[in-house]
Amino acid sequence: MTTIDTARLARMFATIATAMSADRDRLCALDGVIGDADHGIAMELGFSAARDAVAALDAGATDPTTLLNTAAKSFLNAVGASSGPLYATAFMRGAAAVKGKTTLDDSDVVSLFQAMAKGIQDRGKAEPGEKTMIDAWAPAAQAAGEAMASGKDLAGSLEAAAQAAKAGAEATKAMIATKGRASRLGERSLGHMDPGAASAVTVIEAMRTALTD
């Protein structure tokens, strides 16, 4: 059984920010095909802001809910584009899911993860198959829950989530965008991976690394 404290969650945001900086140019290139070519920049800005905000907290005197709400506010302040409200909602829903807890066990982390995915879906009003980040987040959340229910530990559950996210992002290549700016392209969006789904894979893989390695 893993025990995740506030300091570990703060390190998770640092891991995601590092991964997003490394992936920025690829995400911008993906976005350049069907969007404004700035998705990688927005995600790097948002997670860097979240990293800095949670690093400034006193981990010993801060519970996971406060940390996640701090991350949400800082991400939203840094990113005005669509991904800002989506990830801010994700962190706020995650915060609500673990309210009252000082440390998180395996099932708590999976609940947090699933709440994040649901927050993104609710805020974006998106369904799987519409070529959005939900095509990575929704199957990842489902896979994490199923793995946990089958007796897997946190490492196994987040590994299942990461694999499901990768498959989901890959599947967006065969979809026609019906949401967001990419929807203006219609069938011309075919053959291209959705940048939001691609960045979701980066986030989820970084979470897996930070919370289980």
N, C-alpha and C. Protein backbone atom coordinates (compact mmCIF):
# COMPACT_ATOMS: atom_id res chain seq x y z
N MET A 1 0.85 -1.20 0.00
CA MET A 1 0.00 0.00 0.00
C MET A 1 0.89 1.25 0.00
N THR A 2 0.64 2.12 -0.95
CA THR A 2 1.40 3.36 -1.04
C THR A 2 0.76 4.42 -0.14
N THR A 3 1.58 5.26 0.46
CA THR A 3 1.07 6.41 1.21
C THR A 3 1.61 7.68 0.56
N ILE A 4 0.70 8.48 0.03
CA ILE A 4 1.07 9.71 -0.67
C ILE A 4 0.75 10.89 0.23
N ASP A 5 1.79 11.65 0.59
CA ASP A 5 1.55 12.84 1.40
C ASP A 5 1.59 14.10 0.53
N THR A 6 1.42 15.24 1.17
CA THR A 6 1.36 16.51 0.44
C THR A 6 2.67 16.80 -0.29
N ALA A 7 3.79 16.48 0.36
CA ALA A 7 5.09 16.72 -0.27
C ALA A 7 5.23 15.90 -1.56
N ARG A 8 4.70 14.68 -1.54
CA ARG A 8 4.77 13.83 -2.73
C ARG A 8 3.88 14.39 -3.85
N LEU A 9 2.74 14.93 -3.48
CA LEU A 9 1.87 15.56 -4.48
C LEU A 9 2.54 16.80 -5.08
N ALA A 10 3.24 17.55 -4.26
CA ALA A 10 3.97 18.71 -4.77
C ALA A 10 5.03 18.27 -5.77
N ARG A 11 5.72 17.16 -5.45
CA ARG A 11 6.73 16.64 -6.38
C ARG A 11 6.08 16.14 -7.66
N MET A 12 4.86 15.66 -7.56
CA MET A 12 4.12 15.22 -8.76
C MET A 12 3.96 16.39 -9.73
N PHE A 13 3.61 17.56 -9.20
CA PHE A 13 3.44 18.72 -10.08
C PHE A 13 4.77 19.13 -10.71
N ALA A 14 5.86 18.97 -9.97
CA ALA A 14 7.18 19.27 -10.52
C ALA A 14 7.52 18.30 -11.65
N THR A 15 7.16 17.03 -11.46
CA THR A 15 7.42 16.01 -12.49
C THR A 15 6.61 16.29 -13.75
N ILE A 16 5.34 16.66 -13.57
CA ILE A 16 4.50 16.97 -14.73
C ILE A 16 5.04 18.20 -15.46
N ALA A 17 5.45 19.22 -14.71
CA ALA A 17 5.97 20.44 -15.34
C ALA A 17 7.22 20.15 -16.16
N THR A 18 8.10 19.31 -15.63
CA THR A 18 9.32 18.94 -16.36
C THR A 18 8.97 18.19 -17.63
N ALA A 19 8.04 17.24 -17.51
CA ALA A 19 7.62 16.46 -18.68
C ALA A 19 6.97 17.35 -19.73
N MET A 20 6.20 18.34 -19.28
CA MET A 20 5.50 19.22 -20.23
C MET A 20 6.49 20.13 -20.95
N SER A 21 7.51 20.59 -20.24
CA SER A 21 8.55 21.40 -20.89
C SER A 21 9.26 20.60 -21.98
N ALA A 22 9.54 19.34 -21.67
CA ALA A 22 10.22 18.48 -22.64
C ALA A 22 9.34 18.19 -23.85
N ASP A 23 8.02 18.18 -23.65
CA ASP A 23 7.08 17.81 -24.70
C ASP A 23 6.48 19.01 -25.42
N ARG A 24 6.83 20.21 -24.99
CA ARG A 24 6.18 21.44 -25.48
C ARG A 24 6.20 21.54 -27.00
N ASP A 25 7.35 21.35 -27.62
CA ASP A 25 7.46 21.57 -29.06
C ASP A 25 6.65 20.54 -29.85
N ARG A 26 6.66 19.28 -29.39
CA ARG A 26 5.85 18.26 -30.08
C ARG A 26 4.37 18.61 -29.99
N LEU A 27 3.93 19.05 -28.82
CA LEU A 27 2.51 19.39 -28.65
C LEU A 27 2.13 20.60 -29.50
N CYS A 28 3.03 21.57 -29.59
CA CYS A 28 2.77 22.74 -30.44
C CYS A 28 2.68 22.34 -31.90
N ALA A 29 3.54 21.41 -32.31
CA ALA A 29 3.51 20.93 -33.70
C ALA A 29 2.20 20.21 -34.00
N LEU A 30 1.75 19.37 -33.07
CA LEU A 30 0.46 18.69 -33.25
C LEU A 30 -0.66 19.71 -33.33
N ASP A 31 -0.61 20.71 -32.48
CA ASP A 31 -1.64 21.73 -32.44
C ASP A 31 -1.60 22.61 -33.69
N GLY A 32 -0.42 22.75 -34.28
CA GLY A 32 -0.27 23.57 -35.48
C GLY A 32 -1.05 23.02 -36.66
N VAL A 33 -1.27 21.71 -36.65
CA VAL A 33 -1.98 21.08 -37.75
C VAL A 33 -3.48 21.35 -37.68
N ILE A 34 -4.02 21.35 -36.45
CA ILE A 34 -5.48 21.46 -36.32
C ILE A 34 -5.91 22.58 -35.36
N GLY A 35 -4.95 23.38 -34.89
CA GLY A 35 -5.30 24.44 -33.94
C GLY A 35 -4.42 25.66 -34.11
N ASP A 36 -4.06 26.28 -32.98
CA ASP A 36 -3.30 27.53 -33.01
C ASP A 36 -1.81 27.37 -32.73
N ALA A 37 -1.35 26.12 -32.63
CA ALA A 37 0.08 25.82 -32.43
C ALA A 37 0.62 26.31 -31.08
N ASP A 38 -0.28 26.51 -30.10
CA ASP A 38 0.19 27.02 -28.81
C ASP A 38 -0.14 26.09 -27.64
N HIS A 39 -0.64 24.90 -27.91
CA HIS A 39 -1.08 24.02 -26.83
C HIS A 39 0.08 23.64 -25.91
N GLY A 40 1.22 23.35 -26.48
CA GLY A 40 2.38 22.99 -25.66
C GLY A 40 2.81 24.13 -24.77
N ILE A 41 2.76 25.34 -25.30
CA ILE A 41 3.15 26.52 -24.51
C ILE A 41 2.17 26.71 -23.36
N ALA A 42 0.88 26.58 -23.64
CA ALA A 42 -0.14 26.75 -22.60
C ALA A 42 0.02 25.71 -21.49
N MET A 43 0.26 24.47 -21.89
CA MET A 43 0.40 23.42 -20.89
C MET A 43 1.68 23.60 -20.06
N GLU A 44 2.75 24.02 -20.70
CA GLU A 44 3.98 24.28 -19.95
C GLU A 44 3.77 25.43 -18.96
N LEU A 45 3.13 26.50 -19.42
CA LEU A 45 2.85 27.64 -18.54
C LEU A 45 2.00 27.22 -17.34
N GLY A 46 0.95 26.47 -17.61
CA GLY A 46 0.02 26.08 -16.56
C GLY A 46 0.67 25.20 -15.51
N PHE A 47 1.39 24.18 -15.95
CA PHE A 47 1.98 23.26 -14.98
C PHE A 47 3.20 23.86 -14.29
N SER A 48 3.90 24.77 -14.95
CA SER A 48 4.99 25.48 -14.28
C SER A 48 4.43 26.37 -13.17
N ALA A 49 3.32 27.04 -13.47
CA ALA A 49 2.68 27.89 -12.45
C ALA A 49 2.18 27.05 -11.28
N ALA A 50 1.56 25.91 -11.59
CA ALA A 50 1.07 25.03 -10.53
C ALA A 50 2.23 24.50 -9.69
N ARG A 51 3.30 24.10 -10.36
CA ARG A 51 4.49 23.61 -9.64
C ARG A 51 5.02 24.65 -8.66
N ASP A 52 5.16 25.88 -9.14
CA ASP A 52 5.71 26.94 -8.30
C ASP A 52 4.79 27.28 -7.13
N ALA A 53 3.49 27.28 -7.39
CA ALA A 53 2.52 27.63 -6.34
C ALA A 53 2.51 26.58 -5.23
N VAL A 54 2.52 25.31 -5.61
CA VAL A 54 2.46 24.27 -4.56
C VAL A 54 3.81 24.13 -3.85
N ALA A 55 4.90 24.44 -4.55
CA ALA A 55 6.22 24.38 -3.92
C ALA A 55 6.37 25.43 -2.83
N ALA A 56 5.62 26.51 -2.96
CA ALA A 56 5.69 27.60 -1.98
C ALA A 56 4.90 27.30 -0.70
N LEU A 57 4.08 26.26 -0.73
CA LEU A 57 3.30 25.89 0.45
C LEU A 57 4.17 25.16 1.47
N ASP A 58 3.78 25.24 2.73
CA ASP A 58 4.42 24.44 3.78
C ASP A 58 3.77 23.06 3.75
N ALA A 59 4.48 22.09 3.17
CA ALA A 59 3.90 20.76 2.96
C ALA A 59 3.43 20.13 4.26
N GLY A 60 4.17 20.39 5.34
CA GLY A 60 3.81 19.80 6.63
C GLY A 60 2.52 20.35 7.22
N ALA A 61 2.15 21.54 6.77
CA ALA A 61 0.96 22.18 7.33
C ALA A 61 -0.18 22.29 6.30
N THR A 62 -0.04 21.58 5.18
CA THR A 62 -1.01 21.68 4.09
C THR A 62 -1.56 20.30 3.77
N ASP A 63 -2.88 20.19 3.66
CA ASP A 63 -3.45 18.90 3.29
C ASP A 63 -3.56 18.78 1.77
N PRO A 64 -3.76 17.57 1.26
CA PRO A 64 -3.83 17.38 -0.19
C PRO A 64 -4.89 18.25 -0.87
N THR A 65 -6.04 18.44 -0.21
CA THR A 65 -7.11 19.24 -0.81
C THR A 65 -6.66 20.68 -1.03
N THR A 66 -6.00 21.26 -0.03
CA THR A 66 -5.52 22.64 -0.17
C THR A 66 -4.48 22.74 -1.27
N LEU A 67 -3.59 21.76 -1.34
CA LEU A 67 -2.56 21.77 -2.38
C LEU A 67 -3.19 21.72 -3.77
N LEU A 68 -4.16 20.85 -3.96
CA LEU A 68 -4.79 20.69 -5.27
C LEU A 68 -5.60 21.94 -5.65
N ASN A 69 -6.26 22.55 -4.68
CA ASN A 69 -6.98 23.79 -4.97
C ASN A 69 -6.02 24.93 -5.30
N THR A 70 -4.87 24.94 -4.67
CA THR A 70 -3.84 25.93 -4.99
C THR A 70 -3.35 25.74 -6.42
N ALA A 71 -3.12 24.48 -6.79
CA ALA A 71 -2.70 24.16 -8.16
C ALA A 71 -3.76 24.61 -9.17
N ALA A 72 -5.02 24.38 -8.84
CA ALA A 72 -6.11 24.75 -9.74
C ALA A 72 -6.13 26.25 -10.00
N LYS A 73 -6.03 27.02 -8.93
CA LYS A 73 -6.09 28.49 -9.05
C LYS A 73 -4.91 29.02 -9.86
N SER A 74 -3.73 28.49 -9.59
CA SER A 74 -2.53 28.99 -10.29
C SER A 74 -2.54 28.58 -11.75
N PHE A 75 -3.02 27.38 -12.05
CA PHE A 75 -3.11 26.94 -13.44
C PHE A 75 -4.06 27.85 -14.22
N LEU A 76 -5.21 28.13 -13.62
CA LEU A 76 -6.22 28.97 -14.29
C LEU A 76 -5.71 30.39 -14.50
N ASN A 77 -4.98 30.92 -13.52
CA ASN A 77 -4.43 32.26 -13.66
C ASN A 77 -3.38 32.34 -14.77
N ALA A 78 -2.67 31.23 -14.99
CA ALA A 78 -1.60 31.22 -15.98
C ALA A 78 -2.09 30.94 -17.39
N VAL A 79 -3.20 30.21 -17.50
CA VAL A 79 -3.67 29.76 -18.82
C VAL A 79 -5.11 30.18 -19.03
N GLY A 80 -5.32 31.13 -19.92
CA GLY A 80 -6.68 31.56 -20.21
C GLY A 80 -7.36 30.71 -21.26
N ALA A 81 -6.54 29.97 -22.03
CA ALA A 81 -7.09 29.14 -23.11
C ALA A 81 -7.92 28.00 -22.54
N SER A 82 -8.53 27.22 -23.42
CA SER A 82 -9.49 26.20 -23.00
C SER A 82 -8.91 25.22 -21.99
N SER A 83 -7.63 24.90 -22.10
CA SER A 83 -7.05 23.92 -21.18
C SER A 83 -6.98 24.46 -19.75
N GLY A 84 -7.00 25.78 -19.57
CA GLY A 84 -6.94 26.37 -18.24
C GLY A 84 -8.13 25.96 -17.38
N PRO A 85 -9.35 26.30 -17.79
CA PRO A 85 -10.52 25.89 -17.02
C PRO A 85 -10.66 24.37 -16.89
N LEU A 86 -10.24 23.64 -17.91
CA LEU A 86 -10.39 22.18 -17.87
C LEU A 86 -9.51 21.58 -16.78
N TYR A 87 -8.23 21.95 -16.76
CA TYR A 87 -7.35 21.38 -15.74
C TYR A 87 -7.60 21.99 -14.36
N ALA A 88 -8.02 23.23 -14.30
CA ALA A 88 -8.39 23.81 -13.01
C ALA A 88 -9.56 23.04 -12.41
N THR A 89 -10.54 22.73 -13.24
CA THR A 89 -11.68 21.93 -12.77
C THR A 89 -11.23 20.55 -12.34
N ALA A 90 -10.31 19.96 -13.11
CA ALA A 90 -9.79 18.64 -12.75
C ALA A 90 -9.19 18.63 -11.35
N PHE A 91 -8.36 19.63 -11.07
CA PHE A 91 -7.70 19.67 -9.76
C PHE A 91 -8.69 19.97 -8.65
N MET A 92 -9.68 20.82 -8.93
CA MET A 92 -10.69 21.11 -7.90
C MET A 92 -11.54 19.89 -7.59
N ARG A 93 -11.89 19.13 -8.63
CA ARG A 93 -12.65 17.89 -8.40
C ARG A 93 -11.80 16.87 -7.65
N GLY A 94 -10.52 16.80 -8.01
CA GLY A 94 -9.63 15.91 -7.29
C GLY A 94 -9.52 16.30 -5.83
N ALA A 95 -9.44 17.61 -5.59
CA ALA A 95 -9.37 18.13 -4.22
C ALA A 95 -10.60 17.72 -3.41
N ALA A 96 -11.76 17.84 -4.03
CA ALA A 96 -13.01 17.48 -3.35
C ALA A 96 -13.07 15.98 -3.05
N ALA A 97 -12.49 15.19 -3.94
CA ALA A 97 -12.54 13.72 -3.79
C ALA A 97 -11.73 13.23 -2.59
N VAL A 98 -10.72 14.00 -2.18
CA VAL A 98 -9.86 13.56 -1.07
C VAL A 98 -9.98 14.50 0.14
N LYS A 99 -11.07 15.25 0.19
CA LYS A 99 -11.26 16.22 1.27
C LYS A 99 -11.23 15.52 2.63
N GLY A 100 -10.53 16.15 3.57
CA GLY A 100 -10.47 15.61 4.92
C GLY A 100 -9.33 14.64 5.17
N LYS A 101 -8.61 14.28 4.12
CA LYS A 101 -7.51 13.32 4.26
C LYS A 101 -6.18 14.06 4.35
N THR A 102 -5.31 13.56 5.21
CA THR A 102 -3.97 14.15 5.34
C THR A 102 -2.96 13.40 4.47
N THR A 103 -3.19 12.11 4.26
CA THR A 103 -2.38 11.32 3.33
C THR A 103 -3.33 10.47 2.49
N LEU A 104 -2.85 10.00 1.35
CA LEU A 104 -3.69 9.26 0.42
C LEU A 104 -3.16 7.84 0.25
N ASP A 105 -4.06 6.87 0.29
CA ASP A 105 -3.66 5.50 -0.02
C ASP A 105 -3.96 5.20 -1.49
N ASP A 106 -3.73 3.97 -1.89
CA ASP A 106 -3.88 3.60 -3.31
C ASP A 106 -5.27 3.97 -3.85
N SER A 107 -6.30 3.59 -3.12
CA SER A 107 -7.67 3.82 -3.60
C SER A 107 -8.01 5.31 -3.62
N ASP A 108 -7.45 6.07 -2.67
CA ASP A 108 -7.66 7.51 -2.66
C ASP A 108 -7.09 8.15 -3.93
N VAL A 109 -5.89 7.72 -4.32
CA VAL A 109 -5.26 8.29 -5.51
C VAL A 109 -6.07 7.96 -6.76
N VAL A 110 -6.57 6.73 -6.84
CA VAL A 110 -7.39 6.36 -8.00
C VAL A 110 -8.69 7.17 -8.00
N SER A 111 -9.28 7.39 -6.83
CA SER A 111 -10.49 8.22 -6.75
C SER A 111 -10.20 9.65 -7.21
N LEU A 112 -9.05 10.18 -6.78
CA LEU A 112 -8.62 11.51 -7.20
C LEU A 112 -8.47 11.56 -8.72
N PHE A 113 -7.82 10.55 -9.26
CA PHE A 113 -7.58 10.46 -10.71
C PHE A 113 -8.91 10.43 -11.49
N GLN A 114 -9.83 9.60 -11.01
CA GLN A 114 -11.12 9.50 -11.68
C GLN A 114 -11.91 10.80 -11.58
N ALA A 115 -11.80 11.48 -10.43
CA ALA A 115 -12.48 12.76 -10.26
C ALA A 115 -11.92 13.81 -11.21
N MET A 116 -10.60 13.78 -11.42
CA MET A 116 -9.99 14.70 -12.39
C MET A 116 -10.57 14.49 -13.78
N ALA A 117 -10.62 13.24 -14.20
CA ALA A 117 -11.14 12.92 -15.54
C ALA A 117 -12.59 13.37 -15.69
N LYS A 118 -13.39 13.13 -14.66
CA LYS A 118 -14.81 13.50 -14.70
C LYS A 118 -14.94 15.02 -14.74
N GLY A 119 -14.08 15.72 -14.02
CA GLY A 119 -14.11 17.18 -14.03
C GLY A 119 -13.83 17.74 -15.41
N ILE A 120 -12.84 17.18 -16.07
CA ILE A 120 -12.50 17.61 -17.43
C ILE A 120 -13.67 17.35 -18.37
N GLN A 121 -14.26 16.17 -18.23
CA GLN A 121 -15.37 15.81 -19.11
C GLN A 121 -16.58 16.72 -18.88
N ASP A 122 -16.90 16.97 -17.61
CA ASP A 122 -18.06 17.81 -17.30
C ASP A 122 -17.83 19.24 -17.77
N ARG A 123 -16.65 19.78 -17.50
CA ARG A 123 -16.37 21.17 -17.86
C ARG A 123 -16.32 21.35 -19.38
N GLY A 124 -15.74 20.38 -20.06
CA GLY A 124 -15.61 20.47 -21.51
C GLY A 124 -16.84 20.01 -22.27
N LYS A 125 -17.79 19.40 -21.53
CA LYS A 125 -19.01 18.85 -22.15
C LYS A 125 -18.65 17.98 -23.35
N ALA A 126 -17.64 17.14 -23.17
CA ALA A 126 -17.16 16.28 -24.26
C ALA A 126 -17.47 14.82 -23.95
N GLU A 127 -17.63 14.06 -25.01
CA GLU A 127 -17.82 12.62 -24.90
C GLU A 127 -16.69 11.93 -25.65
N PRO A 128 -16.31 10.72 -25.26
CA PRO A 128 -15.32 9.98 -26.03
C PRO A 128 -15.76 9.84 -27.49
N GLY A 129 -14.80 9.97 -28.40
CA GLY A 129 -15.09 9.88 -29.82
C GLY A 129 -15.18 11.22 -30.51
N GLU A 130 -15.04 12.33 -29.74
CA GLU A 130 -15.15 13.67 -30.32
C GLU A 130 -13.78 14.32 -30.58
N LYS A 131 -12.72 13.53 -30.44
CA LYS A 131 -11.35 13.99 -30.72
C LYS A 131 -10.94 15.12 -29.77
N THR A 132 -10.97 14.82 -28.47
CA THR A 132 -10.54 15.78 -27.45
C THR A 132 -9.68 15.03 -26.43
N MET A 133 -9.20 15.74 -25.42
CA MET A 133 -8.41 15.10 -24.38
C MET A 133 -9.19 14.04 -23.61
N ILE A 134 -10.52 14.11 -23.68
CA ILE A 134 -11.34 13.09 -23.02
C ILE A 134 -11.13 11.71 -23.64
N ASP A 135 -10.71 11.67 -24.89
CA ASP A 135 -10.43 10.37 -25.51
C ASP A 135 -9.22 9.69 -24.88
N ALA A 136 -8.40 10.43 -24.15
CA ALA A 136 -7.33 9.83 -23.36
C ALA A 136 -7.73 9.69 -21.89
N TRP A 137 -8.34 10.75 -21.34
CA TRP A 137 -8.65 10.76 -19.91
C TRP A 137 -9.74 9.75 -19.53
N ALA A 138 -10.80 9.64 -20.32
CA ALA A 138 -11.91 8.75 -19.94
C ALA A 138 -11.48 7.29 -19.88
N PRO A 139 -10.83 6.76 -20.93
CA PRO A 139 -10.39 5.36 -20.82
C PRO A 139 -9.34 5.15 -19.74
N ALA A 140 -8.50 6.17 -19.50
CA ALA A 140 -7.49 6.05 -18.45
C ALA A 140 -8.15 5.91 -17.08
N ALA A 141 -9.16 6.74 -16.83
CA ALA A 141 -9.87 6.68 -15.54
C ALA A 141 -10.58 5.35 -15.37
N GLN A 142 -11.19 4.89 -16.44
CA GLN A 142 -11.89 3.60 -16.37
C GLN A 142 -10.89 2.47 -16.11
N ALA A 143 -9.76 2.50 -16.80
CA ALA A 143 -8.76 1.44 -16.65
C ALA A 143 -8.18 1.43 -15.24
N ALA A 144 -7.94 2.63 -14.69
CA ALA A 144 -7.40 2.71 -13.32
C ALA A 144 -8.37 2.09 -12.31
N GLY A 145 -9.65 2.44 -12.47
CA GLY A 145 -10.66 1.90 -11.57
C GLY A 145 -10.81 0.40 -11.68
N GLU A 146 -10.79 -0.10 -12.91
CA GLU A 146 -10.93 -1.54 -13.12
C GLU A 146 -9.72 -2.30 -12.57
N ALA A 147 -8.54 -1.73 -12.76
CA ALA A 147 -7.32 -2.37 -12.27
C ALA A 147 -7.33 -2.43 -10.74
N MET A 148 -7.73 -1.31 -10.11
CA MET A 148 -7.80 -1.27 -8.65
C MET A 148 -8.83 -2.29 -8.14
N ALA A 149 -9.98 -2.36 -8.81
CA ALA A 149 -11.03 -3.28 -8.39
C ALA A 149 -10.60 -4.74 -8.54
N SER A 150 -9.70 -5.00 -9.47
CA SER A 150 -9.24 -6.37 -9.70
C SER A 150 -8.10 -6.76 -8.75
N GLY A 151 -7.71 -5.83 -7.87
CA GLY A 151 -6.70 -6.17 -6.89
C GLY A 151 -5.32 -5.62 -7.17
N LYS A 152 -5.17 -4.84 -8.26
CA LYS A 152 -3.87 -4.23 -8.55
C LYS A 152 -3.54 -3.14 -7.53
N ASP A 153 -2.26 -2.91 -7.30
CA ASP A 153 -1.84 -1.81 -6.43
C ASP A 153 -1.82 -0.51 -7.23
N LEU A 154 -1.35 0.57 -6.62
CA LEU A 154 -1.37 1.87 -7.29
C LEU A 154 -0.51 1.85 -8.55
N ALA A 155 0.67 1.24 -8.46
CA ALA A 155 1.56 1.17 -9.63
C ALA A 155 0.87 0.46 -10.80
N GLY A 156 0.23 -0.66 -10.50
CA GLY A 156 -0.47 -1.41 -11.55
C GLY A 156 -1.66 -0.65 -12.11
N SER A 157 -2.36 0.05 -11.23
CA SER A 157 -3.54 0.80 -11.65
C SER A 157 -3.17 1.99 -12.53
N LEU A 158 -2.11 2.71 -12.15
CA LEU A 158 -1.70 3.86 -12.96
C LEU A 158 -0.98 3.43 -14.24
N GLU A 159 -0.36 2.26 -14.20
CA GLU A 159 0.21 1.72 -15.44
C GLU A 159 -0.91 1.40 -16.43
N ALA A 160 -1.99 0.80 -15.93
CA ALA A 160 -3.15 0.52 -16.79
C ALA A 160 -3.74 1.81 -17.34
N ALA A 161 -3.79 2.83 -16.49
CA ALA A 161 -4.30 4.13 -16.93
C ALA A 161 -3.45 4.72 -18.04
N ALA A 162 -2.13 4.65 -17.87
CA ALA A 162 -1.22 5.23 -18.85
C ALA A 162 -1.33 4.51 -20.19
N GLN A 163 -1.44 3.19 -20.15
CA GLN A 163 -1.57 2.42 -21.40
C GLN A 163 -2.89 2.75 -22.10
N ALA A 164 -3.97 2.87 -21.31
CA ALA A 164 -5.28 3.20 -21.88
C ALA A 164 -5.27 4.61 -22.48
N ALA A 165 -4.58 5.53 -21.81
CA ALA A 165 -4.49 6.90 -22.33
C ALA A 165 -3.75 6.93 -23.66
N LYS A 166 -2.65 6.18 -23.74
CA LYS A 166 -1.88 6.14 -25.00
C LYS A 166 -2.72 5.58 -26.14
N ALA A 167 -3.45 4.50 -25.86
CA ALA A 167 -4.31 3.91 -26.89
C ALA A 167 -5.42 4.88 -27.29
N GLY A 168 -5.96 5.59 -26.30
CA GLY A 168 -7.02 6.56 -26.58
C GLY A 168 -6.54 7.71 -27.43
N ALA A 169 -5.34 8.22 -27.12
CA ALA A 169 -4.78 9.32 -27.90
C ALA A 169 -4.50 8.87 -29.34
N GLU A 170 -3.96 7.68 -29.47
CA GLU A 170 -3.66 7.13 -30.81
C GLU A 170 -4.95 7.02 -31.63
N ALA A 171 -6.04 6.64 -30.96
CA ALA A 171 -7.32 6.46 -31.65
C ALA A 171 -7.88 7.77 -32.18
N THR A 172 -7.46 8.91 -31.63
CA THR A 172 -8.00 10.18 -32.12
C THR A 172 -7.57 10.47 -33.55
N LYS A 173 -6.52 9.80 -34.02
CA LYS A 173 -6.10 10.01 -35.42
C LYS A 173 -7.21 9.62 -36.40
N ALA A 174 -8.03 8.66 -36.00
CA ALA A 174 -9.08 8.17 -36.90
C ALA A 174 -10.41 8.91 -36.70
N MET A 175 -10.40 9.96 -35.86
CA MET A 175 -11.63 10.69 -35.55
C MET A 175 -11.70 12.02 -36.29
N ILE A 176 -12.93 12.46 -36.57
CA ILE A 176 -13.16 13.80 -37.10
C ILE A 176 -13.52 14.69 -35.91
N ALA A 177 -12.81 15.81 -35.76
CA ALA A 177 -13.06 16.69 -34.62
C ALA A 177 -14.44 17.32 -34.70
N THR A 178 -15.16 17.29 -33.59
CA THR A 178 -16.48 17.94 -33.53
C THR A 178 -16.54 18.99 -32.42
N LYS A 179 -15.43 19.17 -31.70
CA LYS A 179 -15.38 20.13 -30.61
C LYS A 179 -14.18 21.06 -30.81
N GLY A 180 -14.31 22.29 -30.34
CA GLY A 180 -13.17 23.21 -30.35
C GLY A 180 -12.79 23.71 -31.74
N ARG A 181 -11.61 24.34 -31.80
CA ARG A 181 -11.17 24.94 -33.06
C ARG A 181 -10.99 23.90 -34.16
N ALA A 182 -10.54 22.72 -33.78
CA ALA A 182 -10.28 21.68 -34.79
C ALA A 182 -11.54 21.28 -35.54
N SER A 183 -12.71 21.52 -34.94
CA SER A 183 -13.96 21.12 -35.60
C SER A 183 -14.19 21.88 -36.90
N ARG A 184 -13.54 23.05 -37.03
CA ARG A 184 -13.70 23.82 -38.27
C ARG A 184 -13.08 23.11 -39.47
N LEU A 185 -12.16 22.21 -39.19
CA LEU A 185 -11.47 21.51 -40.27
C LEU A 185 -12.28 20.35 -40.83
N GLY A 186 -13.25 19.87 -40.07
CA GLY A 186 -14.03 18.74 -40.53
C GLY A 186 -13.15 17.54 -40.82
N GLU A 187 -13.31 16.95 -42.00
CA GLU A 187 -12.57 15.73 -42.35
C GLU A 187 -11.07 15.97 -42.48
N ARG A 188 -10.64 17.21 -42.60
CA ARG A 188 -9.20 17.48 -42.68
C ARG A 188 -8.50 17.22 -41.36
N SER A 189 -9.28 17.07 -40.29
CA SER A 189 -8.66 16.73 -39.01
C SER A 189 -8.31 15.24 -38.91
N LEU A 190 -8.80 14.46 -39.86
CA LEU A 190 -8.50 13.03 -39.88
C LEU A 190 -7.00 12.79 -40.05
N GLY A 191 -6.51 11.75 -39.40
CA GLY A 191 -5.11 11.38 -39.56
C GLY A 191 -4.17 12.08 -38.59
N HIS A 192 -4.70 13.02 -37.80
CA HIS A 192 -3.86 13.78 -36.87
C HIS A 192 -4.29 13.51 -35.42
N MET A 193 -3.31 13.30 -34.56
CA MET A 193 -3.62 13.09 -33.14
C MET A 193 -4.07 14.39 -32.50
N ASP A 194 -5.09 14.30 -31.66
CA ASP A 194 -5.54 15.49 -30.95
C ASP A 194 -4.47 15.93 -29.95
N PRO A 195 -4.07 17.20 -29.99
CA PRO A 195 -3.01 17.65 -29.08
C PRO A 195 -3.40 17.57 -27.61
N GLY A 196 -4.67 17.79 -27.30
CA GLY A 196 -5.11 17.68 -25.91
C GLY A 196 -5.02 16.25 -25.40
N ALA A 197 -5.33 15.29 -26.27
CA ALA A 197 -5.18 13.88 -25.89
C ALA A 197 -3.72 13.52 -25.73
N ALA A 198 -2.88 14.09 -26.61
CA ALA A 198 -1.43 13.83 -26.53
C ALA A 198 -0.86 14.37 -25.23
N SER A 199 -1.26 15.58 -24.84
CA SER A 199 -0.75 16.16 -23.59
C SER A 199 -1.31 15.43 -22.38
N ALA A 200 -2.52 14.90 -22.50
CA ALA A 200 -3.09 14.11 -21.40
C ALA A 200 -2.22 12.89 -21.11
N VAL A 201 -1.72 12.25 -22.16
CA VAL A 201 -0.83 11.11 -21.99
C VAL A 201 0.42 11.53 -21.21
N THR A 202 0.96 12.70 -21.55
CA THR A 202 2.14 13.21 -20.87
C THR A 202 1.85 13.45 -19.38
N VAL A 203 0.70 14.05 -19.09
CA VAL A 203 0.30 14.31 -17.70
C VAL A 203 0.16 12.99 -16.94
N ILE A 204 -0.57 12.06 -17.52
CA ILE A 204 -0.87 10.80 -16.84
C ILE A 204 0.40 9.97 -16.62
N GLU A 205 1.27 9.94 -17.61
CA GLU A 205 2.52 9.21 -17.46
C GLU A 205 3.40 9.85 -16.38
N ALA A 206 3.41 11.17 -16.33
CA ALA A 206 4.19 11.86 -15.29
C ALA A 206 3.61 11.61 -13.90
N MET A 207 2.29 11.58 -13.81
CA MET A 207 1.65 11.25 -12.53
C MET A 207 2.05 9.85 -12.10
N ARG A 208 2.00 8.91 -13.04
CA ARG A 208 2.37 7.52 -12.73
C ARG A 208 3.80 7.46 -12.20
N THR A 209 4.71 8.13 -12.90
CA THR A 209 6.11 8.12 -12.50
C THR A 209 6.29 8.71 -11.11
N ALA A 210 5.67 9.87 -10.88
CA ALA A 210 5.88 10.60 -9.62
C ALA A 210 5.27 9.89 -8.42
N LEU A 211 4.18 9.19 -8.64
CA LEU A 211 3.44 8.61 -7.50
C LEU A 211 3.79 7.15 -7.25
N THR A 212 4.50 6.51 -8.17
CA THR A 212 4.74 5.07 -7.98
C THR A 212 6.21 4.68 -8.08
N ASP A 213 7.07 5.51 -8.60
CA ASP A 213 8.48 5.11 -8.73
C ASP A 213 9.24 5.31 -7.43
